């Protein structure tokens, strides 16, 4: 997973928090008779603040989001080669263990 996806998730969580606070305000207005002007003003400010913070994150993360990171691709390819080598070794170990098992069964 790229670093950019972490920043996208951070932006989405901030946006969701911007919608969570207004939801609490609406609940308080509905059940505890909060002033509707209070709810409206703070709902607008929280949505605006969440949008601004998310926009700022996307501005600073712009190079990470839109550029292909060759370093991560190289690390991924190295990991794939390492895993393939590990699988080959494990297959050899499995064959050796089967031979040992057959030998032990013959001895019984």
Protein backbone atom coordinates (compact mmCIF):
# COMPACT_ATOMS: atom_id res chain seq x y z
CA UNK A 1 0.00 0.00 0.00
CA UNK A 2 1.40 3.37 -0.97
CA UNK A 3 2.04 6.20 1.43
CA UNK A 4 -0.45 8.21 -0.58
CA UNK A 5 -3.25 5.83 0.30
CA UNK A 6 -2.54 6.49 3.97
CA UNK A 7 -2.97 10.19 3.35
CA UNK A 8 -6.18 9.56 1.41
CA UNK A 9 -7.51 7.55 4.34
CA UNK A 10 -6.54 10.36 6.70
CA UNK A 11 -8.43 12.82 4.54
CA UNK A 12 -11.47 10.59 4.45
CA UNK A 13 -11.43 10.13 8.21
CA UNK A 14 -11.26 13.89 8.73
CA UNK A 15 -14.20 14.31 6.38
CA UNK A 16 -16.17 11.65 8.23
CA UNK A 17 -15.37 13.38 11.52
CA UNK A 18 -16.69 16.55 9.94
CA UNK A 19 -19.99 14.76 9.39
CA UNK A 20 -19.96 13.09 12.84
CA UNK A 21 -20.03 16.33 14.82
CA UNK A 22 -23.03 17.71 12.89
CA UNK A 23 -24.84 14.41 13.43
CA UNK A 24 -24.34 14.77 17.19
CA UNK A 25 -25.58 18.37 16.99
CA UNK A 26 -28.71 17.31 15.12
CA UNK A 27 -29.33 14.60 17.74
CA UNK A 28 -28.95 17.15 20.54
CA UNK A 29 -31.25 19.57 18.72
CA UNK A 30 -33.90 16.91 18.20
CA UNK A 31 -33.95 15.40 21.69
CA UNK A 32 -32.62 18.14 23.97
CA UNK A 33 -34.06 21.23 22.22
CA UNK A 34 -30.79 22.88 21.24
CA UNK A 35 -31.20 26.15 19.38
CA UNK A 36 -31.49 25.48 15.64
CA UNK A 37 -29.25 28.46 14.85
CA UNK A 38 -26.54 27.03 17.08
CA UNK A 39 -26.80 23.68 15.28
CA UNK A 40 -26.82 25.29 11.83
CA UNK A 41 -23.84 27.54 12.42
CA UNK A 42 -21.65 24.87 14.01
CA UNK A 43 -22.67 22.28 11.43
CA UNK A 44 -21.61 24.64 8.65
CA UNK A 45 -18.32 25.45 10.41
CA UNK A 46 -17.49 21.78 11.06
CA UNK A 47 -18.20 20.77 7.46
CA UNK A 48 -16.21 23.72 6.16
CA UNK A 49 -13.31 22.95 8.52
CA UNK A 50 -13.25 19.27 7.54
CA UNK A 51 -13.27 20.19 3.86
CA UNK A 52 -10.45 22.71 4.31
CA UNK A 53 -8.29 20.29 6.30
CA UNK A 54 -8.88 17.54 3.73
CA UNK A 55 -8.04 19.93 0.89
CA UNK A 56 -4.80 20.95 2.65
CA UNK A 57 -3.83 17.29 3.08
CA UNK A 58 -4.38 16.69 -0.63
CA UNK A 59 -2.29 19.75 -1.51
CA UNK A 60 0.68 18.58 0.57
CA UNK A 61 0.27 14.96 -0.52
CA UNK A 62 -0.04 15.88 -4.19
CA UNK A 63 3.38 14.63 -5.21
CA UNK A 64 2.89 11.33 -3.39
CA UNK A 65 -0.59 10.74 -4.77
CA UNK A 66 -0.01 11.40 -8.44
CA UNK A 67 3.61 10.29 -8.91
CA UNK A 68 4.49 6.64 -9.36
CA UNK A 69 6.97 5.70 -6.71
CA UNK A 70 9.60 3.50 -8.36
CA UNK A 71 11.27 2.74 -5.03
CA UNK A 72 8.13 1.03 -3.74
CA UNK A 73 7.81 -0.92 -6.98
CA UNK A 74 11.41 -2.11 -6.69
CA UNK A 75 10.85 -3.15 -3.07
CA UNK A 76 7.70 -5.00 -4.12
CA UNK A 77 9.58 -6.87 -6.86
CA UNK A 78 12.34 -7.79 -4.39
CA UNK A 79 9.72 -9.09 -1.96
CA UNK A 80 8.14 -11.21 -4.70
CA UNK A 81 11.55 -12.69 -5.59
CA UNK A 82 12.26 -13.41 -1.92
CA UNK A 83 8.91 -15.12 -1.46
CA UNK A 84 9.43 -17.24 -4.59
CA UNK A 85 12.82 -18.33 -3.25
CA UNK A 86 11.28 -19.15 0.12
CA UNK A 87 8.57 -21.25 -1.52
CA UNK A 88 11.18 -23.23 -3.45
CA UNK A 89 13.13 -23.91 -0.25
CA UNK A 90 9.97 -25.02 1.53
CA UNK A 91 9.13 -27.38 -1.32
CA UNK A 92 12.62 -28.94 -0.98
CA UNK A 93 12.13 -29.30 2.76
CA UNK A 94 8.76 -30.96 2.16
CA UNK A 95 10.32 -33.47 -0.24
CA UNK A 96 13.10 -34.24 2.25
CA UNK A 97 10.60 -34.73 5.06
CA UNK A 98 8.55 -37.11 2.91
CA UNK A 99 11.70 -39.15 2.21
CA UNK A 100 12.50 -39.25 5.93
CA UNK A 101 8.93 -40.33 6.69
CA UNK A 102 9.09 -43.11 4.10
CA UNK A 103 12.42 -44.27 5.49
CA UNK A 104 11.05 -44.36 9.01
CA UNK A 105 7.94 -46.26 7.92
CA UNK A 106 10.14 -48.86 6.18
CA UNK A 107 12.16 -49.35 9.38
CA UNK A 108 9.02 -50.24 11.39
